[in-house]
Amino acid sequence: MTDADAFLASLGEAARAAGSREEAFKAEAAASLKQLEAERTTAYRRLSFLQALTARAAAAETPEAGRAAVEAHVRATFGWDGDSEARTQVFERLAPLSAALFTATHPATEGEEKPAAPPEEPAAALAAFEDWYEQTRTSSFWYLFEHYMPETPRVDF
């Protein structure tokens, strides 16, 4: 092997190493991008969903009406017409969030008695619900939004 051959071999090795580094970087960047996209999607789903729930709780006159309005919105969002044990559990676990949203949108006025035990802050109630859902369902609650539910016309014969 001549000095020129050795020189070209070292350049070839450097080129292959640079190519390997580039491919590794592209793979890492793609994985990071995918993670960031998932985080953004979840954040916007959370925002949109909580805006709707907050609006329903704010429009309610009582905490019970707020809970019913939140439940109705969840049912409509996911097309949950019937009841099941799993859905009942979801609504039970959403109750503290409904109460927190109601309290946050209906501040006590002067002379009005405050609740004996203040409900959870909305952020804490949401975090508790999300944690419970992920632990019991082994997936994120926000994954439910990825399943398109086409409208099915009701036909009576």
C-alpha atoms as a PDB file:
ATOM      1  CA  MET A   1       0.000   0.000   0.000  1.00  0.00           C
ATOM      2  CA  THR A   2       1.361   3.362  -0.974  1.00  0.00           C
ATOM      3  CA  ASP A   3       1.229   6.513   1.067  1.00  0.00           C
ATOM      4  CA  ALA A   4      -1.512   7.780  -1.272  1.00  0.00           C
ATOM      5  CA  ASP A   5      -3.567   4.602  -0.682  1.00  0.00           C
ATOM      6  CA  ALA A   6      -3.217   5.002   3.085  1.00  0.00           C
ATOM      7  CA  PHE A   7      -4.209   8.659   2.822  1.00  0.00           C
ATOM      8  CA  LEU A   8      -7.333   7.813   0.769  1.00  0.00           C
ATOM      9  CA  ALA A   9      -8.211   4.964   3.150  1.00  0.00           C
ATOM     10  CA  SER A  10      -8.095   7.367   6.101  1.00  0.00           C
ATOM     11  CA  LEU A  11     -10.330   9.828   4.226  1.00  0.00           C
ATOM     12  CA  GLY A  12     -12.742   6.999   3.449  1.00  0.00           C
ATOM     13  CA  GLU A  13     -12.828   5.989   7.101  1.00  0.00           C
ATOM     14  CA  ALA A  14     -13.456   9.594   8.127  1.00  0.00           C
ATOM     15  CA  ALA A  15     -16.288   9.857   5.573  1.00  0.00           C
ATOM     16  CA  ARG A  16     -17.934   6.638   6.849  1.00  0.00           C
ATOM     17  CA  ALA A  17     -17.598   7.821  10.450  1.00  0.00           C
ATOM     18  CA  ALA A  18     -19.179  11.163   9.549  1.00  0.00           C
ATOM     19  CA  GLY A  19     -21.996   9.323   7.799  1.00  0.00           C
ATOM     20  CA  SER A  20     -22.548   7.133  10.864  1.00  0.00           C
ATOM     21  CA  ARG A  21     -22.656  10.180  13.139  1.00  0.00           C
ATOM     22  CA  GLU A  22     -25.127  11.857  10.784  1.00  0.00           C
ATOM     23  CA  GLU A  23     -27.422   8.813  10.736  1.00  0.00           C
ATOM     24  CA  ALA A  24     -27.271   8.541  14.535  1.00  0.00           C
ATOM     25  CA  PHE A  25     -28.130  12.234  14.842  1.00  0.00           C
ATOM     26  CA  LYS A  26     -31.041  11.896  12.394  1.00  0.00           C
ATOM     27  CA  ALA A  27     -32.430   8.943  14.354  1.00  0.00           C
ATOM     28  CA  GLU A  28     -32.086  10.835  17.630  1.00  0.00           C
ATOM     29  CA  ALA A  29     -33.677  13.953  16.114  1.00  0.00           C
ATOM     30  CA  ALA A  30     -36.569  11.912  14.705  1.00  0.00           C
ATOM     31  CA  ALA A  31     -37.175  10.299  18.098  1.00  0.00           C
ATOM     32  CA  SER A  32     -37.027  13.693  19.825  1.00  0.00           C
ATOM     33  CA  LEU A  33     -39.393  15.195  17.271  1.00  0.00           C
ATOM     34  CA  LYS A  34     -41.841  12.345  17.740  1.00  0.00           C
ATOM     35  CA  GLN A  35     -41.719  12.830  21.530  1.00  0.00           C
ATOM     36  CA  LEU A  36     -42.217  16.592  21.217  1.00  0.00           C
ATOM     37  CA  GLU A  37     -45.135  16.089  18.819  1.00  0.00           C
ATOM     38  CA  ALA A  38     -46.785  13.711  21.290  1.00  0.00           C
ATOM     39  CA  GLU A  39     -46.286  16.179  24.145  1.00  0.00           C
ATOM     40  CA  ARG A  40     -47.747  19.024  22.077  1.00  0.00           C
ATOM     41  CA  THR A  41     -50.711  16.946  21.006  1.00  0.00           C
ATOM     42  CA  THR A  42     -51.461  15.930  24.575  1.00  0.00           C
ATOM     43  CA  ALA A  43     -51.079  19.497  25.827  1.00  0.00           C
ATOM     44  CA  TYR A  44     -53.535  20.860  23.275  1.00  0.00           C
ATOM     45  CA  ARG A  45     -56.005  18.021  23.874  1.00  0.00           C
ATOM     46  CA  ARG A  46     -55.782  18.698  27.612  1.00  0.00           C
ATOM     47  CA  LEU A  47     -56.288  22.445  27.054  1.00  0.00           C
ATOM     48  CA  SER A  48     -59.254  22.030  24.725  1.00  0.00           C
ATOM     49  CA  PHE A  49     -60.936  19.413  26.869  1.00  0.00           C
ATOM     50  CA  LEU A  50     -60.440  21.358  30.104  1.00  0.00           C
ATOM     51  CA  GLN A  51     -61.698  24.565  28.496  1.00  0.00           C
ATOM     52  CA  ALA A  52     -64.909  22.752  27.594  1.00  0.00           C
ATOM     53  CA  LEU A  53     -65.255  21.174  31.043  1.00  0.00           C
ATOM     54  CA  THR A  54     -64.573  24.515  32.733  1.00  0.00           C
ATOM     55  CA  ALA A  55     -67.229  26.222  30.616  1.00  0.00           C
ATOM     56  CA  ARG A  56     -69.775  23.574  31.600  1.00  0.00           C
ATOM     57  CA  ALA A  57     -68.889  23.816  35.291  1.00  0.00           C
ATOM     58  CA  ALA A  58     -69.085  27.615  35.130  1.00  0.00           C
ATOM     59  CA  ALA A  59     -72.545  27.511  33.552  1.00  0.00           C
ATOM     60  CA  ALA A  60     -73.906  25.207  36.252  1.00  0.00           C
ATOM     61  CA  GLU A  61     -75.740  26.586  39.267  1.00  0.00           C
ATOM     62  CA  THR A  62     -74.806  23.825  41.709  1.00  0.00           C
ATOM     63  CA  PRO A  63     -71.883  21.449  42.100  1.00  0.00           C
ATOM     64  CA  GLU A  64     -74.201  18.553  41.251  1.00  0.00           C
ATOM     65  CA  ALA A  65     -75.321  20.274  38.060  1.00  0.00           C
ATOM     66  CA  GLY A  66     -71.665  20.964  37.258  1.00  0.00           C
ATOM     67  CA  ARG A  67     -70.817  17.299  37.684  1.00  0.00           C
ATOM     68  CA  ALA A  68     -73.737  16.293  35.456  1.00  0.00           C
ATOM     69  CA  ALA A  69     -72.706  18.821  32.801  1.00  0.00           C
ATOM     70  CA  VAL A  70     -69.107  17.578  32.850  1.00  0.00           C
ATOM     71  CA  GLU A  71     -70.300  13.981  32.583  1.00  0.00           C
ATOM     72  CA  ALA A  72     -72.604  14.867  29.688  1.00  0.00           C
ATOM     73  CA  HIS A  73     -69.722  16.514  27.852  1.00  0.00           C
ATOM     74  CA  VAL A  74     -67.472  13.482  28.344  1.00  0.00           C
ATOM     75  CA  ARG A  75     -70.249  11.195  27.094  1.00  0.00           C
ATOM     76  CA  ALA A  76     -70.794  13.360  24.030  1.00  0.00           C
ATOM     77  CA  THR A  77     -67.074  13.695  23.310  1.00  0.00           C
ATOM     78  CA  PHE A  78     -66.445   9.962  23.262  1.00  0.00           C
ATOM     79  CA  GLY A  79     -69.866   8.800  22.048  1.00  0.00           C
ATOM     80  CA  TRP A  80     -70.553   6.973  25.299  1.00  0.00           C
ATOM     81  CA  ASP A  81     -74.294   6.373  25.050  1.00  0.00           C
ATOM     82  CA  GLY A  82     -74.533   3.504  27.513  1.00  0.00           C
ATOM     83  CA  ASP A  83     -73.017   2.757  30.862  1.00  0.00           C
ATOM     84  CA  SER A  84     -70.368   0.243  31.776  1.00  0.00           C
ATOM     85  CA  GLU A  85     -68.294  -0.439  34.845  1.00  0.00           C
ATOM     86  CA  ALA A  86     -65.272   1.207  33.235  1.00  0.00           C
ATOM     87  CA  ARG A  87     -67.219   4.357  32.318  1.00  0.00           C
ATOM     88  CA  THR A  88     -68.748   4.555  35.796  1.00  0.00           C
ATOM     89  CA  GLN A  89     -65.240   4.413  37.254  1.00  0.00           C
ATOM     90  CA  VAL A  90     -64.122   7.217  34.933  1.00  0.00           C
ATOM     91  CA  PHE A  91     -67.033   9.421  36.019  1.00  0.00           C
ATOM     92  CA  GLU A  92     -66.367   8.693  39.695  1.00  0.00           C
ATOM     93  CA  ARG A  93     -62.718   9.650  39.245  1.00  0.00           C
ATOM     94  CA  LEU A  94     -63.668  12.793  37.318  1.00  0.00           C
ATOM     95  CA  ALA A  95     -65.960  13.967  40.153  1.00  0.00           C
ATOM     96  CA  PRO A  96     -63.169  15.715  42.119  1.00  0.00           C
ATOM     97  CA  LEU A  97     -62.138  17.542  38.950  1.00  0.00           C
ATOM     98  CA  SER A  98     -65.745  18.608  38.355  1.00  0.00           C
ATOM     99  CA  ALA A  99     -65.963  19.873  41.938  1.00  0.00           C
ATOM    100  CA  ALA A 100     -62.657  21.724  41.638  1.00  0.00           C
ATOM    101  CA  LEU A 101     -63.712  23.350  38.367  1.00  0.00           C
ATOM    102  CA  PHE A 102     -67.069  24.350  39.852  1.00  0.00           C
ATOM    103  CA  THR A 103     -65.387  25.908  42.888  1.00  0.00           C
ATOM    104  CA  ALA A 104     -62.787  27.653  40.729  1.00  0.00           C
ATOM    105  CA  THR A 105     -65.485  29.192  38.538  1.00  0.00           C
ATOM    106  CA  HIS A 106     -67.839  30.085  41.396  1.00  0.00           C
ATOM    107  CA  PRO A 107     -65.824  31.958  44.004  1.00  0.00           C
ATOM    108  CA  ALA A 108     -67.574  32.403  47.324  1.00  0.00           C
ATOM    109  CA  THR A 109     -69.063  35.829  47.751  1.00  0.00           C
ATOM    110  CA  GLU A 110     -68.968  37.807  50.955  1.00  0.00           C
ATOM    111  CA  GLY A 111     -71.261  36.299  53.550  1.00  0.00           C
ATOM    112  CA  GLU A 112     -71.419  32.986  51.702  1.00  0.00           C
ATOM    113  CA  GLU A 113     -70.222  29.971  53.626  1.00  0.00           C
ATOM    114  CA  LYS A 114     -67.157  28.239  52.228  1.00  0.00           C
ATOM    115  CA  PRO A 115     -67.114  24.434  51.964  1.00  0.00           C
ATOM    116  CA  ALA A 116     -65.868  22.624  55.084  1.00  0.00           C
ATOM    117  CA  ALA A 117     -63.134  20.810  53.150  1.00  0.00           C
ATOM    118  CA  PRO A 118     -61.974  22.746  50.098  1.00  0.00           C
ATOM    119  CA  PRO A 119     -62.051  20.703  46.907  1.00  0.00           C
ATOM    120  CA  GLU A 120     -58.814  19.906  45.172  1.00  0.00           C
ATOM    121  CA  GLU A 121     -57.295  22.497  42.956  1.00  0.00           C
ATOM    122  CA  PRO A 122     -58.158  21.771  39.316  1.00  0.00           C
ATOM    123  CA  ALA A 123     -54.517  21.008  38.432  1.00  0.00           C
ATOM    124  CA  ALA A 124     -54.152  18.523  41.297  1.00  0.00           C
ATOM    125  CA  ALA A 125     -57.500  16.916  40.521  1.00  0.00           C
ATOM    126  CA  LEU A 126     -56.568  16.576  36.850  1.00  0.00           C
ATOM    127  CA  ALA A 127     -53.169  15.084  37.708  1.00  0.00           C
ATOM    128  CA  ALA A 128     -54.785  12.590  40.089  1.00  0.00           C
ATOM    129  CA  PHE A 129     -57.284  11.561  37.408  1.00  0.00           C
ATOM    130  CA  GLU A 130     -54.604  11.200  34.740  1.00  0.00           C
ATOM    131  CA  ASP A 131     -52.411   9.136  37.076  1.00  0.00           C
ATOM    132  CA  TRP A 132     -55.311   6.874  38.065  1.00  0.00           C
ATOM    133  CA  TYR A 133     -56.341   6.376  34.435  1.00  0.00           C
ATOM    134  CA  GLU A 134     -52.823   5.522  33.295  1.00  0.00           C
ATOM    135  CA  GLN A 135     -52.278   3.077  36.160  1.00  0.00           C
ATOM    136  CA  THR A 136     -55.595   1.273  35.710  1.00  0.00           C
ATOM    137  CA  ARG A 137     -55.882   1.389  31.909  1.00  0.00           C
ATOM    138  CA  THR A 138     -52.167   1.171  31.037  1.00  0.00           C
ATOM    139  CA  SER A 139     -52.574   4.029  28.575  1.00  0.00           C
ATOM    140  CA  SER A 140     -53.038   7.755  28.729  1.00  0.00           C
ATOM    141  CA  PHE A 141     -56.566   9.162  28.991  1.00  0.00           C
ATOM    142  CA  TRP A 142     -55.662  11.425  26.086  1.00  0.00           C
ATOM    143  CA  TYR A 143     -55.200   8.380  23.867  1.00  0.00           C
ATOM    144  CA  LEU A 144     -59.012   8.133  23.744  1.00  0.00           C
ATOM    145  CA  PHE A 145     -58.985  11.164  21.450  1.00  0.00           C
ATOM    146  CA  GLU A 146     -57.102   9.207  18.794  1.00  0.00           C
ATOM    147  CA  HIS A 147     -60.013   6.894  18.126  1.00  0.00           C
ATOM    148  CA  TYR A 148     -62.366   8.399  15.586  1.00  0.00           C
ATOM    149  CA  MET A 149     -65.954   7.532  16.344  1.00  0.00           C
ATOM    150  CA  PRO A 150     -68.004   7.962  13.160  1.00  0.00           C
ATOM    151  CA  GLU A 151     -71.559   9.056  13.579  1.00  0.00           C
ATOM    152  CA  THR A 152     -73.952   6.221  13.046  1.00  0.00           C
ATOM    153  CA  PRO A 153     -77.444   7.204  11.968  1.00  0.00           C
ATOM    154  CA  ARG A 154     -80.231   5.778  14.057  1.00  0.00           C
ATOM    155  CA  VAL A 155     -82.796   4.061  11.911  1.00  0.00           C
ATOM    156  CA  ASP A 156     -86.122   2.850  13.247  1.00  0.00           C
ATOM    157  CA  PHE A 157     -88.012   0.195  11.370  1.00  0.00           C
END
